Amino acid sequence: MIKIMGNKKENHKFALCVENKDCEDLEKRKIYQILQDDKSEKEGYLRIVDESGEDYLYPQSYFILVHLPREAQKALQVSKQSI
C-alpha cells in the first residue's frame, strides 16, 4: 500500500476487476478503489466503490489487488469523488 494525500495519510488500495458475474455495477478489466473494511475482508469480501459511485461488498475472488503509482492513485481518487 502506498500512503498519499499530504498530511492526511490514508491507505488507498485498488483492485482490477476480473469477474463480474451477476454484478451490473462492475466492469471487467477496470480498476476500482477499495475502502478499508477489515471485518468484510476476513469473510472474503472487499468494499468496492463501483460504477454507481457507492461502496458495496463484492467477493475478493472478483479482483486482483494492484499497486499504482502516486499519480494514478490521485487520478482515480478524483474520478471517484466526482461521481
PDB file of N, CA and C in Angstrom:
ATOM      1  N   MET A   1       0.834  -1.174   0.000  1.00  0.00           N
ATOM      2  CA  MET A   1       0.000   0.000   0.000  1.00  0.00           C
ATOM      3  C   MET A   1       0.885   1.246   0.000  1.00  0.00           C
ATOM      4  N   ILE A   2       0.433   2.229  -0.704  1.00  0.00           N
ATOM      5  CA  ILE A   2       1.147   3.489  -0.772  1.00  0.00           C
ATOM      6  C   ILE A   2       0.340   4.531  -0.026  1.00  0.00           C
ATOM      7  N   LYS A   3       1.007   5.321   0.806  1.00  0.00           N
ATOM      8  CA  LYS A   3       0.325   6.387   1.537  1.00  0.00           C
ATOM      9  C   LYS A   3       0.449   7.671   0.749  1.00  0.00           C
ATOM     10  N   ILE A   4      -0.686   8.370   0.562  1.00  0.00           N
ATOM     11  CA  ILE A   4      -0.689   9.624  -0.168  1.00  0.00           C
ATOM     12  C   ILE A   4      -1.583  10.620   0.535  1.00  0.00           C
ATOM     13  N   MET A   5      -1.867  11.723  -0.125  1.00  0.00           N
ATOM     14  CA  MET A   5      -2.791  12.745   0.343  1.00  0.00           C
ATOM     15  C   MET A   5      -2.155  13.701   1.345  1.00  0.00           C
ATOM     16  N   GLY A   6      -0.872  14.033   1.182  1.00  0.00           N
ATOM     17  CA  GLY A   6      -0.238  15.052   2.000  1.00  0.00           C
ATOM     18  C   GLY A   6      -0.229  14.714   3.474  1.00  0.00           C
ATOM     19  N   ASN A   7      -0.669  15.658   4.331  1.00  0.00           N
ATOM     20  CA  ASN A   7      -0.653  15.461   5.770  1.00  0.00           C
ATOM     21  C   ASN A   7      -1.679  14.442   6.231  1.00  0.00           C
ATOM     22  N   LYS A   8      -2.759  14.301   5.503  1.00  0.00           N
ATOM     23  CA  LYS A   8      -3.793  13.336   5.867  1.00  0.00           C
ATOM     24  C   LYS A   8      -3.402  11.996   5.255  1.00  0.00           C
ATOM     25  N   LYS A   9      -2.610  11.224   5.976  1.00  0.00           N
ATOM     26  CA  LYS A   9      -2.085   9.971   5.448  1.00  0.00           C
ATOM     27  C   LYS A   9      -3.166   8.898   5.511  1.00  0.00           C
ATOM     28  N   GLU A  10      -3.556   8.430   4.351  1.00  0.00           N
ATOM     29  CA  GLU A  10      -4.559   7.382   4.254  1.00  0.00           C
ATOM     30  C   GLU A  10      -4.003   6.277   3.365  1.00  0.00           C
ATOM     31  N   ASN A  11      -4.445   5.069   3.605  1.00  0.00           N
ATOM     32  CA  ASN A  11      -4.069   3.960   2.740  1.00  0.00           C
ATOM     33  C   ASN A  11      -5.113   3.833   1.649  1.00  0.00           C
ATOM     34  N   HIS A  12      -4.650   3.838   0.432  1.00  0.00           N
ATOM     35  CA  HIS A  12      -5.563   3.680  -0.694  1.00  0.00           C
ATOM     36  C   HIS A  12      -5.178   2.405  -1.422  1.00  0.00           C
ATOM     37  N   LYS A  13      -6.146   1.541  -1.542  1.00  0.00           N
ATOM     38  CA  LYS A  13      -5.916   0.288  -2.240  1.00  0.00           C
ATOM     39  C   LYS A  13      -6.809   0.267  -3.469  1.00  0.00           C
ATOM     40  N   PHE A  14      -6.308  -0.393  -4.480  1.00  0.00           N
ATOM     41  CA  PHE A  14      -7.047  -0.513  -5.719  1.00  0.00           C
ATOM     42  C   PHE A  14      -7.004  -1.954  -6.194  1.00  0.00           C
ATOM     43  N   ALA A  15      -8.015  -2.322  -6.978  1.00  0.00           N
ATOM     44  CA  ALA A  15      -8.103  -3.691  -7.469  1.00  0.00           C
ATOM     45  C   ALA A  15      -8.608  -3.697  -8.902  1.00  0.00           C
ATOM     46  N   LEU A  16      -8.112  -4.643  -9.662  1.00  0.00           N
ATOM     47  CA  LEU A  16      -8.544  -4.863 -11.036  1.00  0.00           C
ATOM     48  C   LEU A  16      -9.663  -5.894 -11.023  1.00  0.00           C
ATOM     49  N   CYS A  17     -10.788  -5.557 -11.629  1.00  0.00           N
ATOM     50  CA  CYS A  17     -11.919  -6.477 -11.701  1.00  0.00           C
ATOM     51  C   CYS A  17     -11.645  -7.543 -12.762  1.00  0.00           C
ATOM     52  N   VAL A  18     -11.727  -8.807 -12.377  1.00  0.00           N
ATOM     53  CA  VAL A  18     -11.519  -9.912 -13.309  1.00  0.00           C
ATOM     54  C   VAL A  18     -12.769 -10.773 -13.469  1.00  0.00           C
ATOM     55  N   GLU A  19     -13.797 -10.477 -12.678  1.00  0.00           N
ATOM     56  CA  GLU A  19     -15.065 -11.211 -12.752  1.00  0.00           C
ATOM     57  C   GLU A  19     -16.186 -10.273 -12.319  1.00  0.00           C
ATOM     58  N   ASN A  20     -17.351 -10.407 -12.964  1.00  0.00           N
ATOM     59  CA  ASN A  20     -18.489  -9.556 -12.587  1.00  0.00           C
ATOM     60  C   ASN A  20     -19.812 -10.311 -12.667  1.00  0.00           C
ATOM     61  N   LYS A  21     -19.760 -11.604 -12.429  1.00  0.00           N
ATOM     62  CA  LYS A  21     -20.956 -12.447 -12.509  1.00  0.00           C
ATOM     63  C   LYS A  21     -22.071 -11.875 -11.640  1.00  0.00           C
ATOM     64  N   ASP A  22     -23.220 -11.607 -12.263  1.00  0.00           N
ATOM     65  CA  ASP A  22     -24.409 -11.088 -11.583  1.00  0.00           C
ATOM     66  C   ASP A  22     -24.199  -9.726 -10.914  1.00  0.00           C
ATOM     67  N   CYS A  23     -23.213  -8.968 -11.371  1.00  0.00           N
ATOM     68  CA  CYS A  23     -22.930  -7.638 -10.794  1.00  0.00           C
ATOM     69  C   CYS A  23     -22.946  -6.597 -11.911  1.00  0.00           C
ATOM     70  N   GLU A  24     -24.064  -5.927 -12.055  1.00  0.00           N
ATOM     71  CA  GLU A  24     -24.216  -4.942 -13.122  1.00  0.00           C
ATOM     72  C   GLU A  24     -23.363  -3.693 -12.909  1.00  0.00           C
ATOM     73  N   ASP A  25     -22.947  -3.435 -11.678  1.00  0.00           N
ATOM     74  CA  ASP A  25     -22.183  -2.225 -11.378  1.00  0.00           C
ATOM     75  C   ASP A  25     -20.677  -2.445 -11.351  1.00  0.00           C
ATOM     76  N   LEU A  26     -20.207  -3.568 -11.934  1.00  0.00           N
ATOM     77  CA  LEU A  26     -18.777  -3.824 -12.080  1.00  0.00           C
ATOM     78  C   LEU A  26     -18.463  -4.074 -13.545  1.00  0.00           C
ATOM     79  N   GLU A  27     -17.314  -3.576 -13.987  1.00  0.00           N
ATOM     80  CA  GLU A  27     -16.854  -3.829 -15.349  1.00  0.00           C
ATOM     81  C   GLU A  27     -15.537  -4.584 -15.287  1.00  0.00           C
ATOM     82  N   LYS A  28     -15.456  -5.706 -16.029  1.00  0.00           N
ATOM     83  CA  LYS A  28     -14.201  -6.438 -16.106  1.00  0.00           C
ATOM     84  C   LYS A  28     -13.120  -5.545 -16.709  1.00  0.00           C
ATOM     85  N   ARG A  29     -11.882  -5.762 -16.268  1.00  0.00           N
ATOM     86  CA  ARG A  29     -10.694  -5.046 -16.744  1.00  0.00           C
ATOM     87  C   ARG A  29     -10.686  -3.577 -16.323  1.00  0.00           C
ATOM     88  N   LYS A  30     -11.457  -3.215 -15.315  1.00  0.00           N
ATOM     89  CA  LYS A  30     -11.463  -1.853 -14.804  1.00  0.00           C
ATOM     90  C   LYS A  30     -10.908  -1.843 -13.379  1.00  0.00           C
ATOM     91  N   ILE A  31     -10.221  -0.755 -13.023  1.00  0.00           N
ATOM     92  CA  ILE A  31      -9.642  -0.620 -11.693  1.00  0.00           C
ATOM     93  C   ILE A  31     -10.624   0.110 -10.783  1.00  0.00           C
ATOM     94  N   TYR A  32     -10.803  -0.448  -9.580  1.00  0.00           N
ATOM     95  CA  TYR A  32     -11.722   0.122  -8.597  1.00  0.00           C
ATOM     96  C   TYR A  32     -10.990   0.418  -7.289  1.00  0.00           C
ATOM     97  N   GLN A  33     -11.479   1.417  -6.575  1.00  0.00           N
ATOM     98  CA  GLN A  33     -10.947   1.752  -5.270  1.00  0.00           C
ATOM     99  C   GLN A  33     -11.541   0.811  -4.227  1.00  0.00           C
ATOM    100  N   ILE A  34     -10.700   0.367  -3.301  1.00  0.00           N
ATOM    101  CA  ILE A  34     -11.130  -0.469  -2.187  1.00  0.00           C
ATOM    102  C   ILE A  34     -11.171   0.397  -0.934  1.00  0.00           C
ATOM    103  N   LEU A  35     -12.256   0.340  -0.209  1.00  0.00           N
ATOM    104  CA  LEU A  35     -12.354   1.024   1.072  1.00  0.00           C
ATOM    105  C   LEU A  35     -12.037   0.038   2.183  1.00  0.00           C
ATOM    106  N   GLN A  36     -11.353   0.511   3.214  1.00  0.00           N
ATOM    107  CA  GLN A  36     -10.942  -0.342   4.327  1.00  0.00           C
ATOM    108  C   GLN A  36     -12.157  -0.913   5.049  1.00  0.00           C
ATOM    109  N   ASP A  37     -12.206  -2.230   5.185  1.00  0.00           N
ATOM    110  CA  ASP A  37     -13.273  -2.916   5.911  1.00  0.00           C
ATOM    111  C   ASP A  37     -12.708  -4.264   6.357  1.00  0.00           C
ATOM    112  N   ASP A  38     -11.999  -4.250   7.482  1.00  0.00           N
ATOM    113  CA  ASP A  38     -11.299  -5.444   7.962  1.00  0.00           C
ATOM    114  C   ASP A  38     -12.222  -6.623   8.200  1.00  0.00           C
ATOM    115  N   LYS A  39     -13.382  -6.377   8.759  1.00  0.00           N
ATOM    116  CA  LYS A  39     -14.318  -7.466   9.054  1.00  0.00           C
ATOM    117  C   LYS A  39     -14.752  -8.177   7.768  1.00  0.00           C
ATOM    118  N   SER A  40     -15.103  -7.401   6.763  1.00  0.00           N
ATOM    119  CA  SER A  40     -15.546  -7.992   5.497  1.00  0.00           C
ATOM    120  C   SER A  40     -14.410  -8.739   4.802  1.00  0.00           C
ATOM    121  N   GLU A  41     -13.196  -8.178   4.871  1.00  0.00           N
ATOM    122  CA  GLU A  41     -12.052  -8.841   4.243  1.00  0.00           C
ATOM    123  C   GLU A  41     -11.787 -10.197   4.876  1.00  0.00           C
ATOM    124  N   LYS A  42     -11.969 -10.308   6.188  1.00  0.00           N
ATOM    125  CA  LYS A  42     -11.790 -11.589   6.873  1.00  0.00           C
ATOM    126  C   LYS A  42     -12.818 -12.608   6.409  1.00  0.00           C
ATOM    127  N   GLU A  43     -13.973 -12.122   5.946  1.00  0.00           N
ATOM    128  CA  GLU A  43     -15.034 -13.012   5.472  1.00  0.00           C
ATOM    129  C   GLU A  43     -14.974 -13.244   3.963  1.00  0.00           C
ATOM    130  N   GLY A  44     -13.929 -12.692   3.307  1.00  0.00           N
ATOM    131  CA  GLY A  44     -13.736 -12.952   1.886  1.00  0.00           C
ATOM    132  C   GLY A  44     -14.346 -11.929   0.949  1.00  0.00           C
ATOM    133  N   TYR A  45     -14.632 -10.734   1.460  1.00  0.00           N
ATOM    134  CA  TYR A  45     -15.242  -9.684   0.638  1.00  0.00           C
ATOM    135  C   TYR A  45     -14.404  -8.417   0.665  1.00  0.00           C
ATOM    136  N   LEU A  46     -14.539  -7.628  -0.384  1.00  0.00           N
ATOM    137  CA  LEU A  46     -13.914  -6.313  -0.465  1.00  0.00           C
ATOM    138  C   LEU A  46     -15.001  -5.260  -0.587  1.00  0.00           C
ATOM    139  N   ARG A  47     -14.800  -4.132   0.067  1.00  0.00           N
ATOM    140  CA  ARG A  47     -15.729  -2.999  -0.062  1.00  0.00           C
ATOM    141  C   ARG A  47     -15.213  -2.136  -1.211  1.00  0.00           C
ATOM    142  N   ILE A  48     -15.941  -2.164  -2.320  1.00  0.00           N
ATOM    143  CA  ILE A  48     -15.530  -1.534  -3.571  1.00  0.00           C
ATOM    144  C   ILE A  48     -16.439  -0.356  -3.903  1.00  0.00           C
ATOM    145  N   VAL A  49     -15.837   0.745  -4.360  1.00  0.00           N
ATOM    146  CA  VAL A  49     -16.618   1.856  -4.908  1.00  0.00           C
ATOM    147  C   VAL A  49     -16.875   1.488  -6.369  1.00  0.00           C
ATOM    148  N   ASP A  50     -18.116   1.116  -6.678  1.00  0.00           N
ATOM    149  CA  ASP A  50     -18.435   0.591  -8.006  1.00  0.00           C
ATOM    150  C   ASP A  50     -18.945   1.679  -8.955  1.00  0.00           C
ATOM    151  N   GLU A  51     -19.501   1.278 -10.085  1.00  0.00           N
ATOM    152  CA  GLU A  51     -19.964   2.212 -11.118  1.00  0.00           C
ATOM    153  C   GLU A  51     -21.097   3.118 -10.649  1.00  0.00           C
ATOM    154  N   SER A  52     -21.801   2.724  -9.608  1.00  0.00           N
ATOM    155  CA  SER A  52     -22.890   3.563  -9.085  1.00  0.00           C
ATOM    156  C   SER A  52     -22.344   4.730  -8.270  1.00  0.00           C
ATOM    157  N   GLY A  53     -21.034   4.657  -7.924  1.00  0.00           N
ATOM    158  CA  GLY A  53     -20.430   5.685  -7.092  1.00  0.00           C
ATOM    159  C   GLY A  53     -20.558   5.394  -5.611  1.00  0.00           C
ATOM    160  N   GLU A  54     -21.245   4.318  -5.278  1.00  0.00           N
ATOM    161  CA  GLU A  54     -21.432   3.893  -3.893  1.00  0.00           C
ATOM    162  C   GLU A  54     -20.507   2.720  -3.602  1.00  0.00           C
ATOM    163  N   ASP A  55     -20.308   2.429  -2.327  1.00  0.00           N
ATOM    164  CA  ASP A  55     -19.478   1.278  -1.974  1.00  0.00           C
ATOM    165  C   ASP A  55     -20.359   0.099  -1.571  1.00  0.00           C
ATOM    166  N   TYR A  56     -19.974  -1.067  -2.071  1.00  0.00           N
ATOM    167  CA  TYR A  56     -20.690  -2.310  -1.800  1.00  0.00           C
ATOM    168  C   TYR A  56     -19.687  -3.422  -1.602  1.00  0.00           C
ATOM    169  N   LEU A  57     -20.130  -4.502  -0.991  1.00  0.00           N
ATOM    170  CA  LEU A  57     -19.270  -5.663  -0.794  1.00  0.00           C
ATOM    171  C   LEU A  57     -19.343  -6.587  -2.006  1.00  0.00           C
ATOM    172  N   TYR A  58     -18.159  -7.025  -2.443  1.00  0.00           N
ATOM    173  CA  TYR A  58     -18.047  -7.976  -3.549  1.00  0.00           C
ATOM    174  C   TYR A  58     -17.043  -9.057  -3.151  1.00  0.00           C
ATOM    175  N   PRO A  59     -17.181 -10.267  -3.707  1.00  0.00           N
ATOM    176  CA  PRO A  59     -16.228 -11.336  -3.388  1.00  0.00           C
ATOM    177  C   PRO A  59     -14.804 -10.932  -3.779  1.00  0.00           C
ATOM    178  N   GLN A  60     -13.844 -11.244  -2.903  1.00  0.00           N
ATOM    179  CA  GLN A  60     -12.441 -10.954  -3.198  1.00  0.00           C
ATOM    180  C   GLN A  60     -11.992 -11.636  -4.485  1.00  0.00           C
ATOM    181  N   SER A  61     -12.574 -12.774  -4.797  1.00  0.00           N
ATOM    182  CA  SER A  61     -12.169 -13.534  -5.984  1.00  0.00           C
ATOM    183  C   SER A  61     -12.487 -12.798  -7.289  1.00  0.00           C
ATOM    184  N   TYR A  62     -13.276 -11.757  -7.239  1.00  0.00           N
ATOM    185  CA  TYR A  62     -13.613 -10.967  -8.423  1.00  0.00           C
ATOM    186  C   TYR A  62     -12.516  -9.965  -8.768  1.00  0.00           C
ATOM    187  N   PHE A  63     -11.482  -9.858  -7.917  1.00  0.00           N
ATOM    188  CA  PHE A  63     -10.476  -8.807  -8.068  1.00  0.00           C
ATOM    189  C   PHE A  63      -9.063  -9.310  -7.868  1.00  0.00           C
ATOM    190  N   ILE A  64      -8.132  -8.573  -8.469  1.00  0.00           N
ATOM    191  CA  ILE A  64      -6.702  -8.743  -8.221  1.00  0.00           C
ATOM    192  C   ILE A  64      -6.208  -7.406  -7.692  1.00  0.00           C
ATOM    193  N   LEU A  65      -5.546  -7.419  -6.524  1.00  0.00           N
ATOM    194  CA  LEU A  65      -5.008  -6.185  -5.963  1.00  0.00           C
ATOM    195  C   LEU A  65      -3.894  -5.651  -6.857  1.00  0.00           C
ATOM    196  N   VAL A  66      -3.862  -4.342  -7.031  1.00  0.00           N
ATOM    197  CA  VAL A  66      -2.825  -3.710  -7.851  1.00  0.00           C
ATOM    198  C   VAL A  66      -2.190  -2.563  -7.069  1.00  0.00           C
ATOM    199  N   HIS A  67      -0.897  -2.341  -7.319  1.00  0.00           N
ATOM    200  CA  HIS A  67      -0.166  -1.223  -6.726  1.00  0.00           C
ATOM    201  C   HIS A  67       0.036  -0.201  -7.831  1.00  0.00           C
ATOM    202  N   LEU A  68      -0.420   1.001  -7.605  1.00  0.00           N
ATOM    203  CA  LEU A  68      -0.383   2.043  -8.624  1.00  0.00           C
ATOM    204  C   LEU A  68       0.573   3.159  -8.243  1.00  0.00           C
ATOM    205  N   PRO A  69       1.174   3.805  -9.247  1.00  0.00           N
ATOM    206  CA  PRO A  69       1.988   4.988  -8.962  1.00  0.00           C
ATOM    207  C   PRO A  69       1.123   6.084  -8.345  1.00  0.00           C
ATOM    208  N   ARG A  70       1.740   6.962  -7.602  1.00  0.00           N
ATOM    209  CA  ARG A  70       1.036   8.042  -6.902  1.00  0.00           C
ATOM    210  C   ARG A  70       0.154   8.847  -7.860  1.00  0.00           C
ATOM    211  N   GLU A  71       0.650   9.157  -9.046  1.00  0.00           N
ATOM    212  CA  GLU A  71      -0.124   9.949  -9.998  1.00  0.00           C
ATOM    213  C   GLU A  71      -1.407   9.226 -10.410  1.00  0.00           C
ATOM    214  N   ALA A  72      -1.320   7.926 -10.601  1.00  0.00           N
ATOM    215  CA  ALA A  72      -2.503   7.144 -10.970  1.00  0.00           C
ATOM    216  C   ALA A  72      -3.502   7.102  -9.816  1.00  0.00           C
ATOM    217  N   GLN A  73      -3.005   6.968  -8.599  1.00  0.00           N
ATOM    218  CA  GLN A  73      -3.893   6.957  -7.437  1.00  0.00           C
ATOM    219  C   GLN A  73      -4.647   8.279  -7.324  1.00  0.00           C
ATOM    220  N   LYS A  74      -3.929   9.376  -7.506  1.00  0.00           N
ATOM    221  CA  LYS A  74      -4.571  10.691  -7.430  1.00  0.00           C
ATOM    222  C   LYS A  74      -5.642  10.833  -8.504  1.00  0.00           C
ATOM    223  N   ALA A  75      -5.338  10.379  -9.716  1.00  0.00           N
ATOM    224  CA  ALA A  75      -6.303  10.484 -10.817  1.00  0.00           C
ATOM    225  C   ALA A  75      -7.553   9.664 -10.520  1.00  0.00           C
ATOM    226  N   LEU A  76      -7.385   8.478  -9.977  1.00  0.00           N
ATOM    227  CA  LEU A  76      -8.536   7.637  -9.654  1.00  0.00           C
ATOM    228  C   LEU A  76      -9.323   8.199  -8.487  1.00  0.00           C
ATOM    229  N   GLN A  77      -8.654   8.807  -7.510  1.00  0.00           N
ATOM    230  CA  GLN A  77      -9.353   9.428  -6.393  1.00  0.00           C
ATOM    231  C   GLN A  77     -10.259  10.547  -6.888  1.00  0.00           C
ATOM    232  N   VAL A  78      -9.763  11.378  -7.768  1.00  0.00           N
ATOM    233  CA  VAL A  78     -10.545  12.492  -8.286  1.00  0.00           C
ATOM    234  C   VAL A  78     -11.751  11.982  -9.049  1.00  0.00           C
ATOM    235  N   SER A  79     -11.544  10.973  -9.888  1.00  0.00           N
ATOM    236  CA  SER A  79     -12.663  10.482 -10.694  1.00  0.00           C
ATOM    237  C   SER A  79     -13.730   9.843  -9.822  1.00  0.00           C
ATOM    238  N   LYS A  80     -13.367   9.167  -8.762  1.00  0.00           N
ATOM    239  CA  LYS A  80     -14.336   8.536  -7.888  1.00  0.00           C
ATOM    240  C   LYS A  80     -15.109   9.590  -7.091  1.00  0.00           C
ATOM    241  N   GLN A  81     -14.454  10.683  -6.702  1.00  0.00           N
ATOM    242  CA  GLN A  81     -15.124  11.717  -5.928  1.00  0.00           C
ATOM    243  C   GLN A  81     -16.109  12.512  -6.785  1.00  0.00           C
ATOM    244  N   SER A  82     -15.876  12.551  -8.091  1.00  0.00           N
ATOM    245  CA  SER A  82     -16.743  13.340  -8.962  1.00  0.00           C
ATOM    246  C   SER A  82     -17.982  12.592  -9.413  1.00  0.00           C
ATOM    247  N   ILE A  83     -18.087  11.313  -9.068  1.00  0.00           N
ATOM    248  CA  ILE A  83     -19.267  10.526  -9.461  1.00  0.00           C
ATOM    249  C   ILE A  83     -20.467  10.963  -8.666  1.00  0.00           C
TER     250      ILE A  83
END
